[in-house]
Amino acid sequence: MGHAGAAAAAVRYLRPRAVEPLPRPELRCVREDERASVEPGEFRRVLGHFATGVTVITAPAGADEPGPAGFACQSFSSLSLEPPLVCFLVGRTSTTWPRIARAGVFCVNVLGAGQGELCRAFAVSGADKFAGVAYDAAPVSGAPRLDGAVAWIDCTVHAVHTGGDHLIVVGRVAALGAAGDGEPLLFHRGRFAGLGP
């Protein structure tokens, strides 16, 4: 085949193709007698060893709402390249999620290394989380894009799935950007951290 033929074959193989949807799996609820006996505190302690980035998910204010909505979220991930999808997890009891759901759009703000206090402000319930917080509007959704975030991802709600005591929210990316080479804020074993030297 030669080098040229091998290269052409590789290009054909690697060329982006439409992804065929997989058949929907058979789903069933797990019965109480099938559940593993994992103590919640131990579950949280062990999984705390997995370091994550920290984000703030925001949404624009609705017609009858006093201001925008937002909450701190470390359960965020990229999901798909084609189409461009991301996802985050939110507790079913969240009071912020219904506002994001009504808006149908959101912006993921990836926090920088010096934004631990900002994260704490968005982790509380009942307070005006945006008091004293500088932001502008994300270009497509209009959701708050927080000053100092190292990256932002502007999305529309694509799908919502159940996952135990949380919801899995899938967003379709409409616009995104990064603010240079700033280091991210990390969360590990119950504490904020940064990248090591």
C-alpha atoms as a PDB file:
ATOM      1  CA  MET A   1       0.000   0.000   0.000  1.00  0.00           C
ATOM      2  CA  GLY A   2       2.899   2.387   0.683  1.00  0.00           C
ATOM      3  CA  HIS A   3       3.055   5.430   2.949  1.00  0.00           C
ATOM      4  CA  ALA A   4       0.697   7.548   0.833  1.00  0.00           C
ATOM      5  CA  GLY A   5      -1.933   4.809   0.701  1.00  0.00           C
ATOM      6  CA  ALA A   6      -1.681   4.183   4.465  1.00  0.00           C
ATOM      7  CA  ALA A   7      -2.016   7.905   5.165  1.00  0.00           C
ATOM      8  CA  ALA A   8      -5.087   8.165   2.926  1.00  0.00           C
ATOM      9  CA  ALA A   9      -6.680   5.166   4.654  1.00  0.00           C
ATOM     10  CA  ALA A  10      -5.972   6.701   8.076  1.00  0.00           C
ATOM     11  CA  VAL A  11      -7.563   9.991   7.027  1.00  0.00           C
ATOM     12  CA  ARG A  12     -10.671   8.161   5.795  1.00  0.00           C
ATOM     13  CA  TYR A  13     -10.853   6.189   9.058  1.00  0.00           C
ATOM     14  CA  LEU A  14     -10.360   9.232  11.301  1.00  0.00           C
ATOM     15  CA  ARG A  15     -12.718  11.534   9.396  1.00  0.00           C
ATOM     16  CA  PRO A  16     -15.634  12.579  11.672  1.00  0.00           C
ATOM     17  CA  ARG A  17     -18.724  10.508  11.013  1.00  0.00           C
ATOM     18  CA  ALA A  18     -22.275  10.756  12.234  1.00  0.00           C
ATOM     19  CA  VAL A  19     -22.660   8.834  15.482  1.00  0.00           C
ATOM     20  CA  GLU A  20     -25.447   6.298  15.325  1.00  0.00           C
ATOM     21  CA  PRO A  21     -27.676   6.405  18.429  1.00  0.00           C
ATOM     22  CA  LEU A  22     -27.514   3.268  20.537  1.00  0.00           C
ATOM     23  CA  PRO A  23     -30.719   1.407  21.368  1.00  0.00           C
ATOM     24  CA  ARG A  24     -32.246   2.527  24.655  1.00  0.00           C
ATOM     25  CA  PRO A  25     -31.296   0.062  27.413  1.00  0.00           C
ATOM     26  CA  GLU A  26     -33.868  -1.805  29.449  1.00  0.00           C
ATOM     27  CA  LEU A  27     -34.202   0.102  32.715  1.00  0.00           C
ATOM     28  CA  ARG A  28     -35.536  -1.095  36.023  1.00  0.00           C
ATOM     29  CA  CYS A  29     -35.507   0.195  39.578  1.00  0.00           C
ATOM     30  CA  VAL A  30     -33.129  -1.350  42.084  1.00  0.00           C
ATOM     31  CA  ARG A  31     -35.083  -3.012  44.882  1.00  0.00           C
ATOM     32  CA  GLU A  32     -34.291  -2.213  48.516  1.00  0.00           C
ATOM     33  CA  ASP A  33     -33.001  -5.771  49.082  1.00  0.00           C
ATOM     34  CA  GLU A  34     -30.513  -5.309  46.193  1.00  0.00           C
ATOM     35  CA  ARG A  35     -28.872  -2.186  47.580  1.00  0.00           C
ATOM     36  CA  ALA A  36     -25.332  -2.393  48.894  1.00  0.00           C
ATOM     37  CA  SER A  37     -24.996  -1.262  52.487  1.00  0.00           C
ATOM     38  CA  VAL A  38     -22.701   1.732  51.997  1.00  0.00           C
ATOM     39  CA  GLU A  39     -22.780   4.274  54.796  1.00  0.00           C
ATOM     40  CA  PRO A  40     -23.256   7.800  53.327  1.00  0.00           C
ATOM     41  CA  GLY A  41     -20.424   9.344  55.357  1.00  0.00           C
ATOM     42  CA  GLU A  42     -17.971   6.682  54.193  1.00  0.00           C
ATOM     43  CA  PHE A  43     -19.185   7.078  50.612  1.00  0.00           C
ATOM     44  CA  ARG A  44     -18.513  10.833  50.793  1.00  0.00           C
ATOM     45  CA  ARG A  45     -15.111  10.336  52.490  1.00  0.00           C
ATOM     46  CA  VAL A  46     -13.786   7.835  49.954  1.00  0.00           C
ATOM     47  CA  LEU A  47     -15.067   9.680  46.885  1.00  0.00           C
ATOM     48  CA  GLY A  48     -13.539  12.887  48.279  1.00  0.00           C
ATOM     49  CA  HIS A  49     -10.179  11.470  47.171  1.00  0.00           C
ATOM     50  CA  PHE A  50     -11.226  12.185  43.580  1.00  0.00           C
ATOM     51  CA  ALA A  51     -10.105  15.757  42.851  1.00  0.00           C
ATOM     52  CA  THR A  52     -12.515  17.827  40.777  1.00  0.00           C
ATOM     53  CA  GLY A  53     -12.682  21.249  39.260  1.00  0.00           C
ATOM     54  CA  VAL A  54     -15.241  23.704  40.626  1.00  0.00           C
ATOM     55  CA  THR A  55     -17.888  25.537  38.617  1.00  0.00           C
ATOM     56  CA  VAL A  56     -20.765  27.900  39.186  1.00  0.00           C
ATOM     57  CA  ILE A  57     -23.822  27.165  37.048  1.00  0.00           C
ATOM     58  CA  THR A  58     -25.834  30.324  36.335  1.00  0.00           C
ATOM     59  CA  ALA A  59     -29.110  31.188  34.589  1.00  0.00           C
ATOM     60  CA  PRO A  60     -30.737  34.510  33.690  1.00  0.00           C
ATOM     61  CA  ALA A  61     -33.583  35.899  35.765  1.00  0.00           C
ATOM     62  CA  GLY A  62     -37.091  34.885  34.778  1.00  0.00           C
ATOM     63  CA  ALA A  63     -39.926  37.345  34.285  1.00  0.00           C
ATOM     64  CA  ASP A  64     -41.142  37.189  37.913  1.00  0.00           C
ATOM     65  CA  GLU A  65     -37.749  36.669  39.561  1.00  0.00           C
ATOM     66  CA  PRO A  66     -35.698  39.332  41.354  1.00  0.00           C
ATOM     67  CA  GLY A  67     -32.374  38.360  39.801  1.00  0.00           C
ATOM     68  CA  PRO A  68     -30.341  35.616  38.157  1.00  0.00           C
ATOM     69  CA  ALA A  69     -29.903  32.129  39.609  1.00  0.00           C
ATOM     70  CA  GLY A  70     -26.725  30.213  40.355  1.00  0.00           C
ATOM     71  CA  PHE A  71     -25.168  27.454  42.421  1.00  0.00           C
ATOM     72  CA  ALA A  72     -21.723  25.974  43.042  1.00  0.00           C
ATOM     73  CA  CYS A  73     -21.217  22.659  41.282  1.00  0.00           C
ATOM     74  CA  GLN A  74     -18.268  20.283  41.228  1.00  0.00           C
ATOM     75  CA  SER A  75     -20.150  17.528  39.373  1.00  0.00           C
ATOM     76  CA  PHE A  76     -19.543  18.868  35.875  1.00  0.00           C
ATOM     77  CA  SER A  77     -18.103  17.109  32.829  1.00  0.00           C
ATOM     78  CA  SER A  78     -17.758  17.266  29.083  1.00  0.00           C
ATOM     79  CA  LEU A  79     -19.958  14.620  27.470  1.00  0.00           C
ATOM     80  CA  SER A  80     -19.885  14.648  23.673  1.00  0.00           C
ATOM     81  CA  LEU A  81     -17.911  16.284  20.886  1.00  0.00           C
ATOM     82  CA  GLU A  82     -20.520  15.771  18.153  1.00  0.00           C
ATOM     83  CA  PRO A  83     -22.914  17.259  19.034  1.00  0.00           C
ATOM     84  CA  PRO A  84     -21.097  19.388  21.628  1.00  0.00           C
ATOM     85  CA  LEU A  85     -22.619  18.382  24.974  1.00  0.00           C
ATOM     86  CA  VAL A  86     -21.695  18.884  28.621  1.00  0.00           C
ATOM     87  CA  CYS A  87     -23.425  17.705  31.767  1.00  0.00           C
ATOM     88  CA  PHE A  88     -23.751  18.576  35.429  1.00  0.00           C
ATOM     89  CA  LEU A  89     -25.472  16.953  38.388  1.00  0.00           C
ATOM     90  CA  VAL A  90     -27.832  18.782  40.719  1.00  0.00           C
ATOM     91  CA  GLY A  91     -29.655  17.555  43.825  1.00  0.00           C
ATOM     92  CA  ARG A  92     -33.368  16.936  43.409  1.00  0.00           C
ATOM     93  CA  THR A  93     -34.036  19.184  46.422  1.00  0.00           C
ATOM     94  CA  SER A  94     -32.134  22.132  44.925  1.00  0.00           C
ATOM     95  CA  THR A  95     -34.126  25.367  45.012  1.00  0.00           C
ATOM     96  CA  THR A  96     -31.993  26.803  42.187  1.00  0.00           C
ATOM     97  CA  TRP A  97     -32.571  23.999  39.683  1.00  0.00           C
ATOM     98  CA  PRO A  98     -36.263  24.838  39.005  1.00  0.00           C
ATOM     99  CA  ARG A  99     -35.210  28.363  38.021  1.00  0.00           C
ATOM    100  CA  ILE A 100     -32.564  27.020  35.626  1.00  0.00           C
ATOM    101  CA  ALA A 101     -35.090  24.547  34.212  1.00  0.00           C
ATOM    102  CA  ARG A 102     -37.624  27.339  33.601  1.00  0.00           C
ATOM    103  CA  ALA A 103     -34.956  29.425  31.848  1.00  0.00           C
ATOM    104  CA  GLY A 104     -33.987  26.462  29.648  1.00  0.00           C
ATOM    105  CA  VAL A 105     -30.445  27.830  29.393  1.00  0.00           C
ATOM    106  CA  PHE A 106     -27.378  28.065  31.614  1.00  0.00           C
ATOM    107  CA  CYS A 107     -23.742  29.114  31.694  1.00  0.00           C
ATOM    108  CA  VAL A 108     -21.005  27.015  33.296  1.00  0.00           C
ATOM    109  CA  ASN A 109     -18.366  29.229  34.915  1.00  0.00           C
ATOM    110  CA  VAL A 110     -15.110  27.327  35.567  1.00  0.00           C
ATOM    111  CA  LEU A 111     -13.654  28.977  38.666  1.00  0.00           C
ATOM    112  CA  GLY A 112     -10.045  30.094  38.965  1.00  0.00           C
ATOM    113  CA  ALA A 113      -7.596  29.253  41.745  1.00  0.00           C
ATOM    114  CA  GLY A 114      -8.337  32.440  43.714  1.00  0.00           C
ATOM    115  CA  GLN A 115     -12.140  32.115  43.680  1.00  0.00           C
ATOM    116  CA  GLY A 116     -12.723  29.900  46.711  1.00  0.00           C
ATOM    117  CA  GLU A 117     -14.751  32.571  48.519  1.00  0.00           C
ATOM    118  CA  LEU A 118     -16.901  33.102  45.447  1.00  0.00           C
ATOM    119  CA  CYS A 119     -17.575  29.359  45.368  1.00  0.00           C
ATOM    120  CA  ARG A 120     -18.594  29.422  49.056  1.00  0.00           C
ATOM    121  CA  ALA A 121     -20.997  32.305  48.361  1.00  0.00           C
ATOM    122  CA  PHE A 122     -22.739  30.272  45.659  1.00  0.00           C
ATOM    123  CA  ALA A 123     -22.871  27.157  47.861  1.00  0.00           C
ATOM    124  CA  VAL A 124     -25.308  28.682  50.391  1.00  0.00           C
ATOM    125  CA  SER A 125     -29.084  28.674  50.156  1.00  0.00           C
ATOM    126  CA  GLY A 126     -31.407  31.610  50.595  1.00  0.00           C
ATOM    127  CA  ALA A 127     -28.887  34.446  50.237  1.00  0.00           C
ATOM    128  CA  ASP A 128     -28.457  36.921  47.387  1.00  0.00           C
ATOM    129  CA  LYS A 129     -25.598  35.012  45.763  1.00  0.00           C
ATOM    130  CA  PHE A 130     -24.909  37.758  43.227  1.00  0.00           C
ATOM    131  CA  ALA A 131     -24.475  40.599  45.751  1.00  0.00           C
ATOM    132  CA  GLY A 132     -21.182  42.307  44.942  1.00  0.00           C
ATOM    133  CA  VAL A 133     -20.356  39.790  42.187  1.00  0.00           C
ATOM    134  CA  ALA A 134     -19.169  41.240  38.870  1.00  0.00           C
ATOM    135  CA  TYR A 135     -20.484  39.548  35.729  1.00  0.00           C
ATOM    136  CA  ASP A 136     -21.697  40.167  32.226  1.00  0.00           C
ATOM    137  CA  ALA A 137     -24.197  38.288  30.049  1.00  0.00           C
ATOM    138  CA  ALA A 138     -23.138  35.162  28.185  1.00  0.00           C
ATOM    139  CA  PRO A 139     -23.632  35.786  24.446  1.00  0.00           C
ATOM    140  CA  VAL A 140     -26.384  33.270  23.676  1.00  0.00           C
ATOM    141  CA  SER A 141     -28.226  32.491  26.930  1.00  0.00           C
ATOM    142  CA  GLY A 142     -27.793  35.827  28.692  1.00  0.00           C
ATOM    143  CA  ALA A 143     -26.855  33.879  31.842  1.00  0.00           C
ATOM    144  CA  PRO A 144     -24.278  35.512  34.133  1.00  0.00           C
ATOM    145  CA  ARG A 145     -20.685  35.026  33.002  1.00  0.00           C
ATOM    146  CA  LEU A 146     -18.647  35.624  36.167  1.00  0.00           C
ATOM    147  CA  ASP A 147     -15.597  37.876  36.139  1.00  0.00           C
ATOM    148  CA  GLY A 148     -12.388  36.003  36.878  1.00  0.00           C
ATOM    149  CA  ALA A 149     -13.629  32.590  35.727  1.00  0.00           C
ATOM    150  CA  VAL A 150     -10.948  30.761  33.741  1.00  0.00           C
ATOM    151  CA  ALA A 151     -13.503  29.466  31.218  1.00  0.00           C
ATOM    152  CA  TRP A 152     -17.208  29.660  30.441  1.00  0.00           C
ATOM    153  CA  ILE A 153     -19.586  27.406  28.504  1.00  0.00           C
ATOM    154  CA  ASP A 154     -22.931  28.835  27.349  1.00  0.00           C
ATOM    155  CA  CYS A 155     -25.618  26.144  26.940  1.00  0.00           C
ATOM    156  CA  THR A 156     -29.230  25.269  26.312  1.00  0.00           C
ATOM    157  CA  VAL A 157     -30.823  22.436  28.300  1.00  0.00           C
ATOM    158  CA  HIS A 158     -30.703  19.400  26.012  1.00  0.00           C
ATOM    159  CA  ALA A 159     -31.985  16.605  28.302  1.00  0.00           C
ATOM    160  CA  VAL A 160     -32.547  15.783  31.973  1.00  0.00           C
ATOM    161  CA  HIS A 161     -32.206  12.278  33.417  1.00  0.00           C
ATOM    162  CA  THR A 162     -32.758  10.903  36.900  1.00  0.00           C
ATOM    163  CA  GLY A 163     -29.845   9.562  38.923  1.00  0.00           C
ATOM    164  CA  GLY A 164     -30.783   8.572  42.466  1.00  0.00           C
ATOM    165  CA  ASP A 165     -31.118  11.691  44.618  1.00  0.00           C
ATOM    166  CA  HIS A 166     -29.703  13.858  41.794  1.00  0.00           C
ATOM    167  CA  LEU A 167     -30.668  14.906  38.285  1.00  0.00           C
ATOM    168  CA  ILE A 168     -28.273  14.593  35.350  1.00  0.00           C
ATOM    169  CA  VAL A 169     -28.619  17.734  33.250  1.00  0.00           C
ATOM    170  CA  VAL A 170     -27.241  17.602  29.706  1.00  0.00           C
ATOM    171  CA  GLY A 171     -26.523  20.900  27.987  1.00  0.00           C
ATOM    172  CA  ARG A 172     -25.906  21.593  24.319  1.00  0.00           C
ATOM    173  CA  VAL A 173     -23.040  24.051  23.952  1.00  0.00           C
ATOM    174  CA  ALA A 174     -23.929  27.226  22.061  1.00  0.00           C
ATOM    175  CA  ALA A 175     -20.780  29.277  22.782  1.00  0.00           C
ATOM    176  CA  LEU A 176     -17.675  29.016  24.962  1.00  0.00           C
ATOM    177  CA  GLY A 177     -14.424  30.701  25.776  1.00  0.00           C
ATOM    178  CA  ALA A 178     -11.379  30.690  28.038  1.00  0.00           C
ATOM    179  CA  ALA A 179      -9.572  33.545  29.785  1.00  0.00           C
ATOM    180  CA  GLY A 180      -5.938  32.755  29.067  1.00  0.00           C
ATOM    181  CA  ASP A 181      -3.769  30.482  31.165  1.00  0.00           C
ATOM    182  CA  GLY A 182      -5.324  30.959  34.623  1.00  0.00           C
ATOM    183  CA  GLU A 183      -5.110  27.984  36.984  1.00  0.00           C
ATOM    184  CA  PRO A 184      -8.368  26.281  38.004  1.00  0.00           C
ATOM    185  CA  LEU A 185      -9.818  25.984  41.476  1.00  0.00           C
ATOM    186  CA  LEU A 186      -9.761  22.337  42.595  1.00  0.00           C
ATOM    187  CA  PHE A 187     -11.670  20.541  45.343  1.00  0.00           C
ATOM    188  CA  HIS A 188     -10.074  17.560  47.090  1.00  0.00           C
ATOM    189  CA  ARG A 189     -10.917  15.799  50.381  1.00  0.00           C
ATOM    190  CA  GLY A 190     -13.228  18.567  51.541  1.00  0.00           C
ATOM    191  CA  ARG A 191     -10.833  21.436  50.796  1.00  0.00           C
ATOM    192  CA  PHE A 192      -9.993  23.794  47.967  1.00  0.00           C
ATOM    193  CA  ALA A 193      -6.642  23.168  46.327  1.00  0.00           C
ATOM    194  CA  GLY A 194      -4.540  24.303  43.385  1.00  0.00           C
ATOM    195  CA  LEU A 195      -2.262  22.606  40.930  1.00  0.00           C
ATOM    196  CA  GLY A 196       1.077  21.560  42.382  1.00  0.00           C
ATOM    197  CA  PRO A 197       4.409  22.875  41.048  1.00  0.00           C
END
